[in-house]
Amino acid sequence: MTDSVWHNLSRFDVSKEVEQKGRFDYLSWAWAWAFVKEKYPHATFEKHIFRDNQDNPLPFMRDTKGHTYVAVTVTITTISHTEIHYVMDNKNQSVTHPDGGQVNKALQRCLVKAIAFHGLGLNVYAGEDLPMDLDEQDYTLVLEDFTKAKSITDIDDAWRKHATAIGTLGKAAKTQVTDEFKKAKNRLKAA
């Protein structure tokens, strides 16, 4: 049964359903869920509820740095996949105090990603780890701050200044920025 769910959903070409917001591709949560329900009428999803330190229910959780995340589990037949997604602002930057609209959008994005683990539209997310998470101007500003640093304190301050944006990067982009940081720091140590 697991092979048939993956087989059926991953074979469907979603390219005609892909929408674009800025430079990002995405699938509409309504379309994705309707497609799954048409194929698997008993499919379900759960938007996870978390508890704060006063036992209040919240539709999001916070990490130790204050960044917020949501979680959604999609179950098709007997297979469940859970996805965690950060809550972001309109520039795709992680937020620490989200409003209701930001949480709702994150939950819907998380739903589509959990569906993708079952096979539908997984290819839409294939390039997520590429260094496109920061736009060109922001990326240039980060590198300029590393280059302008005159001391170890300056370079560490530059890292802290951009830590939130760097934290949202995919693996490849984060590696590239980290390498540039290390080069700049080594240059300062050698001076």
C-alpha atoms as a PDB file:
ATOM      1  CA  MET A   1       0.000   0.000   0.000  1.00  0.00           C
ATOM      2  CA  THR A   2       2.832   2.446   0.793  1.00  0.00           C
ATOM      3  CA  ASP A   3       4.336   1.995  -2.660  1.00  0.00           C
ATOM      4  CA  SER A   4       0.993   2.620  -4.333  1.00  0.00           C
ATOM      5  CA  VAL A   5       0.430   5.961  -2.525  1.00  0.00           C
ATOM      6  CA  TRP A   6       3.912   7.183  -3.428  1.00  0.00           C
ATOM      7  CA  HIS A   7       3.622   5.724  -6.922  1.00  0.00           C
ATOM      8  CA  ASN A   8       0.242   7.345  -7.585  1.00  0.00           C
ATOM      9  CA  LEU A   9       1.060  10.784  -6.184  1.00  0.00           C
ATOM     10  CA  SER A  10       4.662  11.178  -7.339  1.00  0.00           C
ATOM     11  CA  ARG A  11       3.785  10.350 -10.939  1.00  0.00           C
ATOM     12  CA  PHE A  12       1.358  13.246 -11.286  1.00  0.00           C
ATOM     13  CA  ASP A  13       2.869  16.239 -13.098  1.00  0.00           C
ATOM     14  CA  VAL A  14       2.032  19.272 -10.947  1.00  0.00           C
ATOM     15  CA  SER A  15       3.738  21.792 -13.250  1.00  0.00           C
ATOM     16  CA  LYS A  16       0.407  23.242 -14.434  1.00  0.00           C
ATOM     17  CA  GLU A  17      -0.614  23.814 -10.806  1.00  0.00           C
ATOM     18  CA  VAL A  18       2.575  25.566  -9.667  1.00  0.00           C
ATOM     19  CA  GLU A  19       2.049  29.200  -8.756  1.00  0.00           C
ATOM     20  CA  GLN A  20       4.688  31.810  -8.102  1.00  0.00           C
ATOM     21  CA  LYS A  21       5.023  34.423  -5.380  1.00  0.00           C
ATOM     22  CA  GLY A  22       8.012  36.618  -6.072  1.00  0.00           C
ATOM     23  CA  ARG A  23      10.807  34.223  -6.985  1.00  0.00           C
ATOM     24  CA  PHE A  24       9.333  31.244  -5.103  1.00  0.00           C
ATOM     25  CA  ASP A  25       7.285  28.412  -6.581  1.00  0.00           C
ATOM     26  CA  TYR A  26       4.521  26.848  -4.558  1.00  0.00           C
ATOM     27  CA  LEU A  27       1.396  24.723  -4.779  1.00  0.00           C
ATOM     28  CA  SER A  28      -1.926  25.986  -3.502  1.00  0.00           C
ATOM     29  CA  TRP A  29      -2.863  24.146  -0.312  1.00  0.00           C
ATOM     30  CA  ALA A  30      -6.499  24.010  -1.452  1.00  0.00           C
ATOM     31  CA  TRP A  31      -5.585  22.408  -4.776  1.00  0.00           C
ATOM     32  CA  ALA A  32      -3.144  19.933  -3.183  1.00  0.00           C
ATOM     33  CA  TRP A  33      -5.604  18.836  -0.503  1.00  0.00           C
ATOM     34  CA  ALA A  34      -8.477  18.513  -3.011  1.00  0.00           C
ATOM     35  CA  PHE A  35      -6.265  16.361  -5.250  1.00  0.00           C
ATOM     36  CA  VAL A  36      -5.304  14.075  -2.336  1.00  0.00           C
ATOM     37  CA  LYS A  37      -8.926  13.755  -1.151  1.00  0.00           C
ATOM     38  CA  GLU A  38     -10.067  12.899  -4.678  1.00  0.00           C
ATOM     39  CA  LYS A  39      -7.560  10.029  -4.826  1.00  0.00           C
ATOM     40  CA  TYR A  40      -7.721   9.040  -1.133  1.00  0.00           C
ATOM     41  CA  PRO A  41     -11.083  10.093   0.400  1.00  0.00           C
ATOM     42  CA  HIS A  42     -10.096   8.874   3.880  1.00  0.00           C
ATOM     43  CA  ALA A  43      -6.897  10.958   4.016  1.00  0.00           C
ATOM     44  CA  THR A  44      -6.610  13.230   7.058  1.00  0.00           C
ATOM     45  CA  PHE A  45      -4.356  15.949   8.374  1.00  0.00           C
ATOM     46  CA  GLU A  46      -3.643  17.297  11.838  1.00  0.00           C
ATOM     47  CA  LYS A  47      -2.416  20.772  12.679  1.00  0.00           C
ATOM     48  CA  HIS A  48      -0.460  20.259  15.883  1.00  0.00           C
ATOM     49  CA  ILE A  49      -1.210  22.235  19.026  1.00  0.00           C
ATOM     50  CA  PHE A  50       1.581  23.056  21.473  1.00  0.00           C
ATOM     51  CA  ARG A  51       1.529  24.307  25.070  1.00  0.00           C
ATOM     52  CA  ASP A  52       3.331  27.375  26.359  1.00  0.00           C
ATOM     53  CA  ASN A  53       4.922  27.527  29.818  1.00  0.00           C
ATOM     54  CA  GLN A  54       1.523  28.430  31.328  1.00  0.00           C
ATOM     55  CA  ASP A  55      -0.185  25.469  29.630  1.00  0.00           C
ATOM     56  CA  ASN A  56      -2.032  27.651  27.092  1.00  0.00           C
ATOM     57  CA  PRO A  57      -2.695  25.946  23.736  1.00  0.00           C
ATOM     58  CA  LEU A  58      -0.902  27.512  20.768  1.00  0.00           C
ATOM     59  CA  PRO A  59      -0.869  26.543  17.072  1.00  0.00           C
ATOM     60  CA  PHE A  60       2.917  27.107  17.019  1.00  0.00           C
ATOM     61  CA  MET A  61       6.037  26.353  19.034  1.00  0.00           C
ATOM     62  CA  ARG A  62       9.128  28.440  19.797  1.00  0.00           C
ATOM     63  CA  ASP A  63      12.763  27.441  19.847  1.00  0.00           C
ATOM     64  CA  THR A  64      15.238  28.738  22.412  1.00  0.00           C
ATOM     65  CA  LYS A  65      16.011  31.759  20.210  1.00  0.00           C
ATOM     66  CA  GLY A  66      12.326  32.701  19.950  1.00  0.00           C
ATOM     67  CA  HIS A  67      11.758  31.593  16.348  1.00  0.00           C
ATOM     68  CA  THR A  68       8.347  30.086  15.742  1.00  0.00           C
ATOM     69  CA  TYR A  69       7.378  26.890  13.920  1.00  0.00           C
ATOM     70  CA  VAL A  70       4.224  24.979  13.075  1.00  0.00           C
ATOM     71  CA  ALA A  71       3.756  21.270  12.496  1.00  0.00           C
ATOM     72  CA  VAL A  72       1.268  19.338  10.363  1.00  0.00           C
ATOM     73  CA  THR A  73       0.837  15.588   9.946  1.00  0.00           C
ATOM     74  CA  VAL A  74      -0.824  14.150   6.832  1.00  0.00           C
ATOM     75  CA  THR A  75      -2.072  10.567   6.926  1.00  0.00           C
ATOM     76  CA  ILE A  76      -2.924   8.727   3.715  1.00  0.00           C
ATOM     77  CA  THR A  77      -4.043   5.128   4.100  1.00  0.00           C
ATOM     78  CA  THR A  78      -1.871   4.027   7.042  1.00  0.00           C
ATOM     79  CA  ILE A  79       1.134   6.233   6.269  1.00  0.00           C
ATOM     80  CA  SER A  80       1.725   9.450   8.227  1.00  0.00           C
ATOM     81  CA  HIS A  81       4.267  12.143   7.448  1.00  0.00           C
ATOM     82  CA  THR A  82       4.871  15.132   9.714  1.00  0.00           C
ATOM     83  CA  GLU A  83       6.448  18.358   8.535  1.00  0.00           C
ATOM     84  CA  ILE A  84       7.684  21.286  10.633  1.00  0.00           C
ATOM     85  CA  HIS A  85       7.766  24.701   8.975  1.00  0.00           C
ATOM     86  CA  TYR A  86       9.011  28.039  10.294  1.00  0.00           C
ATOM     87  CA  VAL A  87       6.618  30.979  10.536  1.00  0.00           C
ATOM     88  CA  MET A  88       7.763  33.758   8.233  1.00  0.00           C
ATOM     89  CA  ASP A  89       7.034  37.318   7.278  1.00  0.00           C
ATOM     90  CA  ASN A  90       6.331  38.586   3.741  1.00  0.00           C
ATOM     91  CA  LYS A  91      10.093  38.488   3.001  1.00  0.00           C
ATOM     92  CA  ASN A  92      10.324  34.805   4.009  1.00  0.00           C
ATOM     93  CA  GLN A  93      12.262  35.725   7.161  1.00  0.00           C
ATOM     94  CA  SER A  94      11.642  33.828  10.392  1.00  0.00           C
ATOM     95  CA  VAL A  95       9.502  35.737  12.916  1.00  0.00           C
ATOM     96  CA  THR A  96       9.508  35.603  16.711  1.00  0.00           C
ATOM     97  CA  HIS A  97       6.084  37.169  17.377  1.00  0.00           C
ATOM     98  CA  PRO A  98       3.802  36.004  14.576  1.00  0.00           C
ATOM     99  CA  ASP A  99       0.343  37.335  13.964  1.00  0.00           C
ATOM    100  CA  GLY A 100      -2.594  35.062  13.136  1.00  0.00           C
ATOM    101  CA  GLY A 101      -2.179  35.508   9.394  1.00  0.00           C
ATOM    102  CA  GLN A 102       1.487  34.477   9.480  1.00  0.00           C
ATOM    103  CA  VAL A 103       0.680  31.372  11.546  1.00  0.00           C
ATOM    104  CA  ASN A 104      -2.187  30.425   9.223  1.00  0.00           C
ATOM    105  CA  LYS A 105      -0.025  30.791   6.104  1.00  0.00           C
ATOM    106  CA  ALA A 106       2.742  28.728   7.707  1.00  0.00           C
ATOM    107  CA  LEU A 107       0.238  25.977   8.565  1.00  0.00           C
ATOM    108  CA  GLN A 108      -1.002  25.866   4.962  1.00  0.00           C
ATOM    109  CA  ARG A 109       2.573  25.776   3.581  1.00  0.00           C
ATOM    110  CA  CYS A 110       3.388  23.046   6.078  1.00  0.00           C
ATOM    111  CA  LEU A 111       0.326  21.051   4.944  1.00  0.00           C
ATOM    112  CA  VAL A 112       1.503  21.126   1.320  1.00  0.00           C
ATOM    113  CA  LYS A 113       5.013  20.057   2.325  1.00  0.00           C
ATOM    114  CA  ALA A 114       3.639  17.159   4.387  1.00  0.00           C
ATOM    115  CA  ILE A 115       1.615  16.117   1.328  1.00  0.00           C
ATOM    116  CA  ALA A 116       4.814  16.322  -0.740  1.00  0.00           C
ATOM    117  CA  PHE A 117       6.397  13.666   1.499  1.00  0.00           C
ATOM    118  CA  HIS A 118       3.690  11.355   0.174  1.00  0.00           C
ATOM    119  CA  GLY A 119       4.878  12.177  -3.360  1.00  0.00           C
ATOM    120  CA  LEU A 120       2.620  14.953  -4.678  1.00  0.00           C
ATOM    121  CA  GLY A 121       4.698  17.921  -5.831  1.00  0.00           C
ATOM    122  CA  LEU A 122       7.923  16.929  -4.095  1.00  0.00           C
ATOM    123  CA  ASN A 123       9.859  18.244  -7.100  1.00  0.00           C
ATOM    124  CA  VAL A 124       8.612  21.786  -6.338  1.00  0.00           C
ATOM    125  CA  TYR A 125      10.812  21.768  -3.235  1.00  0.00           C
ATOM    126  CA  ALA A 126      13.866  20.157  -4.845  1.00  0.00           C
ATOM    127  CA  GLY A 127      15.795  23.449  -5.108  1.00  0.00           C
ATOM    128  CA  GLU A 128      15.075  24.640  -1.578  1.00  0.00           C
ATOM    129  CA  ASP A 129      18.627  24.192  -0.370  1.00  0.00           C
ATOM    130  CA  LEU A 130      20.095  26.336  -3.146  1.00  0.00           C
ATOM    131  CA  PRO A 131      21.444  29.763  -2.207  1.00  0.00           C
ATOM    132  CA  MET A 132      18.306  31.562  -3.338  1.00  0.00           C
ATOM    133  CA  ASP A 133      16.923  31.984   0.182  1.00  0.00           C
ATOM    134  CA  LEU A 134      18.550  35.405   0.515  1.00  0.00           C
ATOM    135  CA  ASP A 135      17.958  37.804  -2.305  1.00  0.00           C
ATOM    136  CA  GLU A 136      21.026  39.084  -4.152  1.00  0.00           C
ATOM    137  CA  GLN A 137      21.050  42.454  -2.368  1.00  0.00           C
ATOM    138  CA  ASP A 138      20.841  40.898   1.130  1.00  0.00           C
ATOM    139  CA  TYR A 139      23.524  38.351   0.234  1.00  0.00           C
ATOM    140  CA  THR A 140      25.811  41.160  -0.977  1.00  0.00           C
ATOM    141  CA  LEU A 141      25.233  43.145   2.242  1.00  0.00           C
ATOM    142  CA  VAL A 142      26.187  40.142   4.388  1.00  0.00           C
ATOM    143  CA  LEU A 143      29.409  39.607   2.431  1.00  0.00           C
ATOM    144  CA  GLU A 144      30.207  43.340   2.492  1.00  0.00           C
ATOM    145  CA  ASP A 145      29.888  43.395   6.276  1.00  0.00           C
ATOM    146  CA  PHE A 146      32.273  40.440   6.503  1.00  0.00           C
ATOM    147  CA  THR A 147      34.741  42.176   4.177  1.00  0.00           C
ATOM    148  CA  LYS A 148      34.550  45.540   6.007  1.00  0.00           C
ATOM    149  CA  ALA A 149      35.331  43.970   9.402  1.00  0.00           C
ATOM    150  CA  LYS A 150      38.555  45.352  10.869  1.00  0.00           C
ATOM    151  CA  SER A 151      38.754  43.056  13.907  1.00  0.00           C
ATOM    152  CA  ILE A 152      37.543  39.718  15.256  1.00  0.00           C
ATOM    153  CA  THR A 153      34.918  41.654  17.253  1.00  0.00           C
ATOM    154  CA  ASP A 154      33.686  43.341  14.045  1.00  0.00           C
ATOM    155  CA  ILE A 155      33.358  40.042  12.182  1.00  0.00           C
ATOM    156  CA  ASP A 156      31.526  38.438  15.116  1.00  0.00           C
ATOM    157  CA  ASP A 157      29.207  41.478  15.277  1.00  0.00           C
ATOM    158  CA  ALA A 158      28.536  41.143  11.529  1.00  0.00           C
ATOM    159  CA  TRP A 159      27.591  37.484  12.010  1.00  0.00           C
ATOM    160  CA  ARG A 160      25.212  38.363  14.878  1.00  0.00           C
ATOM    161  CA  LYS A 161      23.690  41.203  12.836  1.00  0.00           C
ATOM    162  CA  HIS A 162      22.732  38.778  10.045  1.00  0.00           C
ATOM    163  CA  ALA A 163      22.139  35.669  12.183  1.00  0.00           C
ATOM    164  CA  THR A 164      18.359  35.615  11.685  1.00  0.00           C
ATOM    165  CA  ALA A 165      18.629  35.789   7.889  1.00  0.00           C
ATOM    166  CA  ILE A 166      21.478  33.248   7.860  1.00  0.00           C
ATOM    167  CA  GLY A 167      19.429  30.919  10.059  1.00  0.00           C
ATOM    168  CA  THR A 168      16.680  30.720   7.448  1.00  0.00           C
ATOM    169  CA  LEU A 169      19.037  29.659   4.664  1.00  0.00           C
ATOM    170  CA  GLY A 170      19.014  26.229   3.111  1.00  0.00           C
ATOM    171  CA  LYS A 171      22.004  23.958   3.663  1.00  0.00           C
ATOM    172  CA  ALA A 172      24.001  24.975   0.565  1.00  0.00           C
ATOM    173  CA  ALA A 173      23.478  28.718   1.056  1.00  0.00           C
ATOM    174  CA  LYS A 174      24.307  28.518   4.767  1.00  0.00           C
ATOM    175  CA  THR A 175      27.501  26.620   3.942  1.00  0.00           C
ATOM    176  CA  GLN A 176      28.491  29.274   1.396  1.00  0.00           C
ATOM    177  CA  VAL A 177      27.882  32.158   3.828  1.00  0.00           C
ATOM    178  CA  THR A 178      29.660  30.285   6.639  1.00  0.00           C
ATOM    179  CA  ASP A 179      32.678  29.680   4.394  1.00  0.00           C
ATOM    180  CA  GLU A 180      32.866  33.401   3.575  1.00  0.00           C
ATOM    181  CA  PHE A 181      32.639  34.213   7.288  1.00  0.00           C
ATOM    182  CA  LYS A 182      35.475  31.796   8.104  1.00  0.00           C
ATOM    183  CA  LYS A 183      37.670  33.209   5.322  1.00  0.00           C
ATOM    184  CA  ALA A 184      37.137  36.751   6.610  1.00  0.00           C
ATOM    185  CA  LYS A 185      37.815  35.690  10.203  1.00  0.00           C
ATOM    186  CA  ASN A 186      40.977  33.829   9.217  1.00  0.00           C
ATOM    187  CA  ARG A 187      42.138  36.904   7.288  1.00  0.00           C
ATOM    188  CA  LEU A 188      41.706  38.992  10.452  1.00  0.00           C
ATOM    189  CA  LYS A 189      43.475  36.427  12.631  1.00  0.00           C
ATOM    190  CA  ALA A 190      46.431  36.373  10.229  1.00  0.00           C
ATOM    191  CA  ALA A 191      46.708  40.194  10.196  1.00  0.00           C
END
